[in-house]
Amino acid sequence: MHGDGATIRKILTESGDTWAVVGLSSNRSRAAYGVAQVLQRFGKRVVPVHPKAETVHGEQGYASLADIPFAVDVVDVFVNSDLAGPIADEAVAKGAKAVWFQLGVIDEAAYDRTRAAGVDMVMDRCPAIEIPLLG
């Protein structure tokens, strides 16, 4: 796991409220669906990013980060580890303040690149687990 308590707190409370959730579709059985609901309950705007570009939880979906016509603060990544690195790079290029790789999503090189670019990053953690703990 990468991301100390201070970084987690900063991302969840200071990095902004617009979260692009990569891998979020209307499939209710996927973890991204439930995590996005939790983020919304805690005041985050959730922007679905999935090839199907579906509307999920009342928010318009986009096929890629590049297709989102507005700034995003945090990019939350729900894809296989071998696909996650390029998404982290896209997040940095888009100007995101933070990247969050979900539980089981691990790419050490992407973590190092993202941090070197000055962007906060958490890896192998879940914001739906962390955010209620902030109190």
N, C-alpha and C. Protein backbone atom coordinates (compact mmCIF):
# COMPACT_ATOMS: atom_id res chain seq x y z
N MET A 1 0.84 -1.18 0.00
CA MET A 1 0.00 0.00 0.00
C MET A 1 0.88 1.25 0.00
N HIS A 2 0.53 2.19 -0.83
CA HIS A 2 1.23 3.47 -0.87
C HIS A 2 0.23 4.57 -0.58
N GLY A 3 0.61 5.46 0.27
CA GLY A 3 -0.24 6.58 0.62
C GLY A 3 -0.40 6.63 2.12
N ASP A 4 0.34 7.53 2.74
CA ASP A 4 0.24 7.64 4.19
C ASP A 4 -1.03 8.38 4.56
N GLY A 5 -1.33 8.39 5.85
CA GLY A 5 -2.56 9.02 6.33
C GLY A 5 -2.68 10.47 5.93
N ALA A 6 -1.57 11.20 5.95
CA ALA A 6 -1.62 12.62 5.59
C ALA A 6 -1.99 12.80 4.12
N THR A 7 -1.43 11.96 3.24
CA THR A 7 -1.75 12.07 1.81
C THR A 7 -3.20 11.69 1.56
N ILE A 8 -3.67 10.63 2.22
CA ILE A 8 -5.06 10.22 2.07
C ILE A 8 -5.99 11.34 2.51
N ARG A 9 -5.73 11.91 3.67
CA ARG A 9 -6.56 13.01 4.19
C ARG A 9 -6.54 14.20 3.22
N LYS A 10 -5.37 14.54 2.72
CA LYS A 10 -5.25 15.68 1.80
C LYS A 10 -6.09 15.44 0.54
N ILE A 11 -5.98 14.25 -0.03
CA ILE A 11 -6.74 13.96 -1.25
C ILE A 11 -8.24 14.04 -0.97
N LEU A 12 -8.67 13.45 0.13
CA LEU A 12 -10.09 13.38 0.42
C LEU A 12 -10.69 14.71 0.88
N THR A 13 -9.88 15.59 1.44
CA THR A 13 -10.44 16.83 2.00
C THR A 13 -9.98 18.11 1.30
N GLU A 14 -8.85 18.09 0.63
CA GLU A 14 -8.30 19.32 0.07
C GLU A 14 -8.11 19.33 -1.44
N SER A 15 -8.11 18.16 -2.07
CA SER A 15 -7.77 18.11 -3.50
C SER A 15 -8.90 18.51 -4.42
N GLY A 16 -10.10 18.64 -3.90
CA GLY A 16 -11.23 19.04 -4.74
C GLY A 16 -12.30 17.96 -4.78
N ASP A 17 -13.45 18.34 -5.29
CA ASP A 17 -14.62 17.47 -5.21
C ASP A 17 -15.04 16.82 -6.52
N THR A 18 -14.30 17.04 -7.61
CA THR A 18 -14.65 16.41 -8.88
C THR A 18 -13.73 15.22 -9.10
N TRP A 19 -14.32 14.04 -9.01
CA TRP A 19 -13.58 12.78 -9.12
C TRP A 19 -13.96 12.06 -10.41
N ALA A 20 -13.00 11.84 -11.30
CA ALA A 20 -13.20 10.99 -12.46
C ALA A 20 -12.94 9.56 -12.00
N VAL A 21 -13.92 8.68 -12.18
CA VAL A 21 -13.79 7.29 -11.76
C VAL A 21 -13.64 6.43 -13.01
N VAL A 22 -12.40 6.01 -13.27
CA VAL A 22 -12.08 5.25 -14.47
C VAL A 22 -12.44 3.79 -14.23
N GLY A 23 -13.34 3.28 -15.08
CA GLY A 23 -13.84 1.92 -14.93
C GLY A 23 -15.26 1.88 -14.40
N LEU A 24 -15.86 3.07 -14.16
CA LEU A 24 -17.22 3.13 -13.63
C LEU A 24 -18.23 3.00 -14.76
N SER A 25 -19.07 1.96 -14.64
CA SER A 25 -20.15 1.75 -15.60
C SER A 25 -21.44 1.53 -14.80
N SER A 26 -22.51 1.21 -15.50
CA SER A 26 -23.79 0.99 -14.84
C SER A 26 -23.90 -0.42 -14.25
N ASN A 27 -22.83 -1.20 -14.31
CA ASN A 27 -22.83 -2.56 -13.77
C ASN A 27 -22.80 -2.49 -12.24
N ARG A 28 -23.94 -2.77 -11.62
CA ARG A 28 -24.07 -2.64 -10.17
C ARG A 28 -23.23 -3.65 -9.40
N SER A 29 -22.80 -4.72 -10.04
CA SER A 29 -22.02 -5.74 -9.33
C SER A 29 -20.53 -5.39 -9.25
N ARG A 30 -20.12 -4.35 -9.93
CA ARG A 30 -18.71 -3.95 -9.90
C ARG A 30 -18.43 -3.03 -8.72
N ALA A 31 -17.26 -3.15 -8.16
CA ALA A 31 -16.89 -2.35 -6.99
C ALA A 31 -16.98 -0.85 -7.27
N ALA A 32 -16.63 -0.44 -8.47
CA ALA A 32 -16.64 0.99 -8.80
C ALA A 32 -18.02 1.60 -8.58
N TYR A 33 -19.06 0.84 -8.86
CA TYR A 33 -20.43 1.35 -8.73
C TYR A 33 -20.72 1.75 -7.28
N GLY A 34 -20.42 0.86 -6.34
CA GLY A 34 -20.67 1.14 -4.93
C GLY A 34 -19.76 2.21 -4.37
N VAL A 35 -18.49 2.19 -4.76
CA VAL A 35 -17.55 3.21 -4.28
C VAL A 35 -17.99 4.59 -4.75
N ALA A 36 -18.43 4.68 -6.00
CA ALA A 36 -18.90 5.97 -6.52
C ALA A 36 -20.09 6.49 -5.71
N GLN A 37 -20.98 5.58 -5.29
CA GLN A 37 -22.11 6.00 -4.45
C GLN A 37 -21.63 6.57 -3.13
N VAL A 38 -20.64 5.93 -2.52
CA VAL A 38 -20.10 6.43 -1.26
C VAL A 38 -19.48 7.81 -1.47
N LEU A 39 -18.70 7.97 -2.52
CA LEU A 39 -18.08 9.27 -2.79
C LEU A 39 -19.15 10.35 -2.94
N GLN A 40 -20.23 10.03 -3.65
CA GLN A 40 -21.32 11.01 -3.79
C GLN A 40 -21.94 11.36 -2.45
N ARG A 41 -22.14 10.38 -1.59
CA ARG A 41 -22.72 10.64 -0.27
C ARG A 41 -21.85 11.60 0.53
N PHE A 42 -20.55 11.58 0.26
CA PHE A 42 -19.63 12.46 0.98
C PHE A 42 -19.35 13.75 0.19
N GLY A 43 -20.22 14.07 -0.77
CA GLY A 43 -20.16 15.36 -1.44
C GLY A 43 -19.27 15.45 -2.66
N LYS A 44 -18.79 14.33 -3.16
CA LYS A 44 -17.95 14.36 -4.36
C LYS A 44 -18.81 14.27 -5.61
N ARG A 45 -18.41 14.98 -6.64
CA ARG A 45 -19.01 14.81 -7.96
C ARG A 45 -18.25 13.68 -8.63
N VAL A 46 -18.97 12.67 -9.06
CA VAL A 46 -18.36 11.49 -9.66
C VAL A 46 -18.60 11.53 -11.16
N VAL A 47 -17.52 11.48 -11.93
CA VAL A 47 -17.60 11.51 -13.39
C VAL A 47 -17.19 10.13 -13.91
N PRO A 48 -18.15 9.37 -14.48
CA PRO A 48 -17.82 8.03 -14.99
C PRO A 48 -16.91 8.10 -16.22
N VAL A 49 -15.86 7.26 -16.22
CA VAL A 49 -14.99 7.14 -17.38
C VAL A 49 -14.94 5.66 -17.73
N HIS A 50 -15.50 5.33 -18.88
CA HIS A 50 -15.62 3.94 -19.31
C HIS A 50 -15.85 3.96 -20.82
N PRO A 51 -15.35 2.97 -21.55
CA PRO A 51 -15.55 2.98 -23.01
C PRO A 51 -17.01 3.14 -23.44
N LYS A 52 -17.96 2.66 -22.62
CA LYS A 52 -19.38 2.78 -22.96
C LYS A 52 -19.92 4.20 -22.76
N ALA A 53 -19.20 5.04 -22.01
CA ALA A 53 -19.60 6.43 -21.75
C ALA A 53 -21.05 6.53 -21.24
N GLU A 54 -21.40 5.64 -20.33
CA GLU A 54 -22.75 5.61 -19.79
C GLU A 54 -22.95 6.68 -18.72
N THR A 55 -24.19 7.12 -18.57
CA THR A 55 -24.56 7.96 -17.45
C THR A 55 -24.74 7.05 -16.24
N VAL A 56 -24.05 7.36 -15.15
CA VAL A 56 -24.10 6.55 -13.93
C VAL A 56 -24.30 7.49 -12.74
N HIS A 57 -25.19 7.11 -11.85
CA HIS A 57 -25.48 7.92 -10.66
C HIS A 57 -25.82 9.36 -11.04
N GLY A 58 -26.50 9.52 -12.19
CA GLY A 58 -26.94 10.84 -12.61
C GLY A 58 -25.87 11.70 -13.27
N GLU A 59 -24.68 11.16 -13.47
CA GLU A 59 -23.58 11.93 -14.08
C GLU A 59 -23.26 11.39 -15.47
N GLN A 60 -23.11 12.30 -16.43
CA GLN A 60 -22.74 11.95 -17.80
C GLN A 60 -21.40 11.22 -17.79
N GLY A 61 -21.31 10.13 -18.53
CA GLY A 61 -20.05 9.39 -18.66
C GLY A 61 -19.27 9.82 -19.89
N TYR A 62 -17.98 9.53 -19.85
CA TYR A 62 -17.08 9.85 -20.95
C TYR A 62 -16.24 8.62 -21.26
N ALA A 63 -15.84 8.47 -22.51
CA ALA A 63 -15.08 7.29 -22.93
C ALA A 63 -13.64 7.32 -22.43
N SER A 64 -13.11 8.51 -22.17
CA SER A 64 -11.73 8.62 -21.70
C SER A 64 -11.58 9.91 -20.89
N LEU A 65 -10.48 10.01 -20.15
CA LEU A 65 -10.20 11.24 -19.42
C LEU A 65 -10.10 12.42 -20.37
N ALA A 66 -9.49 12.20 -21.52
CA ALA A 66 -9.31 13.28 -22.49
C ALA A 66 -10.64 13.83 -23.00
N ASP A 67 -11.68 13.02 -22.98
CA ASP A 67 -12.99 13.45 -23.47
C ASP A 67 -13.75 14.34 -22.48
N ILE A 68 -13.33 14.38 -21.23
CA ILE A 68 -14.02 15.18 -20.23
C ILE A 68 -13.73 16.66 -20.51
N PRO A 69 -14.77 17.46 -20.76
CA PRO A 69 -14.54 18.85 -21.19
C PRO A 69 -14.35 19.85 -20.05
N PHE A 70 -14.03 19.36 -18.86
CA PHE A 70 -13.81 20.24 -17.72
C PHE A 70 -12.70 19.63 -16.86
N ALA A 71 -12.22 20.40 -15.91
CA ALA A 71 -11.14 19.94 -15.05
C ALA A 71 -11.65 18.88 -14.06
N VAL A 72 -10.78 17.93 -13.76
CA VAL A 72 -11.07 16.96 -12.70
C VAL A 72 -9.99 17.11 -11.64
N ASP A 73 -10.39 16.90 -10.40
CA ASP A 73 -9.46 17.08 -9.29
C ASP A 73 -8.71 15.79 -8.95
N VAL A 74 -9.45 14.68 -8.93
CA VAL A 74 -8.88 13.39 -8.55
C VAL A 74 -9.31 12.37 -9.60
N VAL A 75 -8.38 11.49 -9.97
CA VAL A 75 -8.69 10.38 -10.87
C VAL A 75 -8.57 9.09 -10.07
N ASP A 76 -9.71 8.42 -9.92
CA ASP A 76 -9.82 7.17 -9.16
C ASP A 76 -9.84 6.03 -10.17
N VAL A 77 -8.90 5.09 -10.06
CA VAL A 77 -8.65 4.11 -11.11
C VAL A 77 -9.08 2.71 -10.69
N PHE A 78 -10.08 2.17 -11.42
CA PHE A 78 -10.61 0.82 -11.22
C PHE A 78 -10.35 -0.01 -12.47
N VAL A 79 -9.11 -0.17 -12.85
CA VAL A 79 -8.78 -1.04 -14.00
C VAL A 79 -7.66 -1.97 -13.57
N ASN A 80 -7.40 -2.98 -14.39
CA ASN A 80 -6.30 -3.89 -14.09
C ASN A 80 -4.98 -3.14 -14.01
N SER A 81 -4.11 -3.62 -13.15
CA SER A 81 -2.82 -2.94 -12.92
C SER A 81 -2.06 -2.69 -14.22
N ASP A 82 -2.12 -3.63 -15.18
CA ASP A 82 -1.35 -3.46 -16.41
C ASP A 82 -1.90 -2.33 -17.29
N LEU A 83 -3.09 -1.85 -17.01
CA LEU A 83 -3.68 -0.73 -17.76
C LEU A 83 -3.62 0.59 -17.00
N ALA A 84 -3.24 0.52 -15.73
CA ALA A 84 -3.36 1.70 -14.85
C ALA A 84 -2.31 2.77 -15.11
N GLY A 85 -1.09 2.39 -15.44
CA GLY A 85 -0.01 3.35 -15.64
C GLY A 85 -0.34 4.44 -16.65
N PRO A 86 -0.80 4.07 -17.85
CA PRO A 86 -1.15 5.11 -18.82
C PRO A 86 -2.27 6.03 -18.34
N ILE A 87 -3.18 5.52 -17.52
CA ILE A 87 -4.25 6.36 -16.98
C ILE A 87 -3.66 7.38 -16.00
N ALA A 88 -2.71 6.94 -15.18
CA ALA A 88 -2.04 7.89 -14.27
C ALA A 88 -1.35 8.98 -15.08
N ASP A 89 -0.70 8.60 -16.17
CA ASP A 89 -0.03 9.59 -17.03
C ASP A 89 -1.04 10.57 -17.63
N GLU A 90 -2.19 10.06 -18.07
CA GLU A 90 -3.25 10.93 -18.60
C GLU A 90 -3.76 11.88 -17.53
N ALA A 91 -3.89 11.38 -16.31
CA ALA A 91 -4.37 12.21 -15.20
C ALA A 91 -3.41 13.38 -14.95
N VAL A 92 -2.12 13.09 -14.97
CA VAL A 92 -1.12 14.14 -14.79
C VAL A 92 -1.23 15.14 -15.94
N ALA A 93 -1.33 14.64 -17.17
CA ALA A 93 -1.42 15.52 -18.34
C ALA A 93 -2.68 16.39 -18.28
N LYS A 94 -3.76 15.86 -17.72
CA LYS A 94 -5.02 16.60 -17.63
C LYS A 94 -5.00 17.64 -16.51
N GLY A 95 -4.01 17.55 -15.62
CA GLY A 95 -3.90 18.53 -14.55
C GLY A 95 -4.58 18.12 -13.26
N ALA A 96 -4.86 16.82 -13.11
CA ALA A 96 -5.47 16.35 -11.86
C ALA A 96 -4.53 16.63 -10.69
N LYS A 97 -5.12 16.89 -9.53
CA LYS A 97 -4.31 17.15 -8.33
C LYS A 97 -3.88 15.86 -7.65
N ALA A 98 -4.61 14.76 -7.95
CA ALA A 98 -4.30 13.50 -7.29
C ALA A 98 -4.77 12.33 -8.15
N VAL A 99 -4.10 11.20 -7.94
CA VAL A 99 -4.46 9.93 -8.58
C VAL A 99 -4.64 8.91 -7.47
N TRP A 100 -5.69 8.13 -7.58
CA TRP A 100 -5.98 7.10 -6.57
C TRP A 100 -6.13 5.77 -7.27
N PHE A 101 -5.21 4.82 -7.01
CA PHE A 101 -5.34 3.46 -7.53
C PHE A 101 -6.06 2.63 -6.47
N GLN A 102 -7.12 1.98 -6.87
CA GLN A 102 -7.95 1.19 -5.96
C GLN A 102 -7.22 -0.03 -5.40
N LEU A 103 -7.87 -0.69 -4.46
CA LEU A 103 -7.34 -1.93 -3.89
C LEU A 103 -6.98 -2.90 -5.01
N GLY A 104 -5.78 -3.43 -4.95
CA GLY A 104 -5.33 -4.39 -5.95
C GLY A 104 -4.76 -3.79 -7.21
N VAL A 105 -4.87 -2.47 -7.38
CA VAL A 105 -4.31 -1.80 -8.56
C VAL A 105 -2.94 -1.27 -8.16
N ILE A 106 -1.90 -1.90 -8.73
CA ILE A 106 -0.53 -1.59 -8.32
C ILE A 106 0.35 -1.42 -9.55
N ASP A 107 1.05 -0.30 -9.61
CA ASP A 107 2.04 -0.04 -10.65
C ASP A 107 3.07 0.90 -10.04
N GLU A 108 4.17 0.30 -9.55
CA GLU A 108 5.20 1.08 -8.85
C GLU A 108 5.79 2.18 -9.73
N ALA A 109 6.03 1.87 -11.00
CA ALA A 109 6.62 2.86 -11.90
C ALA A 109 5.67 4.04 -12.10
N ALA A 110 4.38 3.76 -12.25
CA ALA A 110 3.40 4.84 -12.40
C ALA A 110 3.33 5.68 -11.14
N TYR A 111 3.41 5.02 -9.98
CA TYR A 111 3.41 5.75 -8.71
C TYR A 111 4.59 6.71 -8.67
N ASP A 112 5.76 6.21 -9.02
CA ASP A 112 6.97 7.05 -8.99
C ASP A 112 6.87 8.20 -9.98
N ARG A 113 6.37 7.93 -11.20
CA ARG A 113 6.23 8.99 -12.22
C ARG A 113 5.25 10.06 -11.76
N THR A 114 4.13 9.61 -11.19
CA THR A 114 3.09 10.55 -10.77
C THR A 114 3.59 11.44 -9.65
N ARG A 115 4.23 10.85 -8.66
CA ARG A 115 4.79 11.61 -7.54
C ARG A 115 5.88 12.57 -8.04
N ALA A 116 6.72 12.10 -8.98
CA ALA A 116 7.79 12.95 -9.52
C ALA A 116 7.22 14.16 -10.26
N ALA A 117 6.01 14.01 -10.80
CA ALA A 117 5.35 15.12 -11.49
C ALA A 117 4.69 16.08 -10.51
N GLY A 118 4.78 15.79 -9.21
CA GLY A 118 4.23 16.67 -8.20
C GLY A 118 2.75 16.43 -7.91
N VAL A 119 2.25 15.27 -8.32
CA VAL A 119 0.85 14.95 -8.12
C VAL A 119 0.74 13.94 -6.98
N ASP A 120 -0.17 14.19 -6.03
CA ASP A 120 -0.39 13.26 -4.93
C ASP A 120 -0.93 11.94 -5.47
N MET A 121 -0.55 10.85 -4.82
CA MET A 121 -1.04 9.56 -5.28
C MET A 121 -1.16 8.60 -4.11
N VAL A 122 -2.21 7.79 -4.19
CA VAL A 122 -2.45 6.69 -3.27
C VAL A 122 -2.63 5.45 -4.13
N MET A 123 -2.09 4.33 -3.67
CA MET A 123 -2.16 3.10 -4.45
C MET A 123 -2.56 1.95 -3.54
N ASP A 124 -3.42 1.08 -4.05
CA ASP A 124 -3.85 -0.13 -3.34
C ASP A 124 -4.64 0.22 -2.07
N ARG A 125 -5.47 1.25 -2.19
CA ARG A 125 -6.36 1.67 -1.09
C ARG A 125 -7.74 1.95 -1.69
N CYS A 126 -8.74 2.14 -0.82
CA CYS A 126 -10.10 2.43 -1.30
C CYS A 126 -10.65 3.66 -0.59
N PRO A 127 -11.04 4.69 -1.35
CA PRO A 127 -11.56 5.89 -0.70
C PRO A 127 -12.86 5.64 0.06
N ALA A 128 -13.65 4.66 -0.36
CA ALA A 128 -14.90 4.37 0.36
C ALA A 128 -14.63 3.79 1.73
N ILE A 129 -13.47 3.19 1.91
CA ILE A 129 -13.06 2.70 3.23
C ILE A 129 -12.47 3.85 4.05
N GLU A 130 -11.70 4.70 3.40
CA GLU A 130 -10.95 5.75 4.08
C GLU A 130 -11.81 6.97 4.47
N ILE A 131 -12.72 7.38 3.59
CA ILE A 131 -13.42 8.65 3.81
C ILE A 131 -14.30 8.65 5.06
N PRO A 132 -14.99 7.54 5.40
CA PRO A 132 -15.77 7.59 6.65
C PRO A 132 -14.90 7.70 7.90
N LEU A 133 -13.64 7.33 7.80
CA LEU A 133 -12.73 7.36 8.95
C LEU A 133 -12.25 8.77 9.29
N LEU A 134 -12.48 9.72 8.38
CA LEU A 134 -11.98 11.08 8.60
C LEU A 134 -12.70 11.77 9.74
N GLY A 135 -13.96 11.35 9.96
CA GLY A 135 -14.74 11.94 11.06
C GLY A 135 -14.95 13.37 10.85
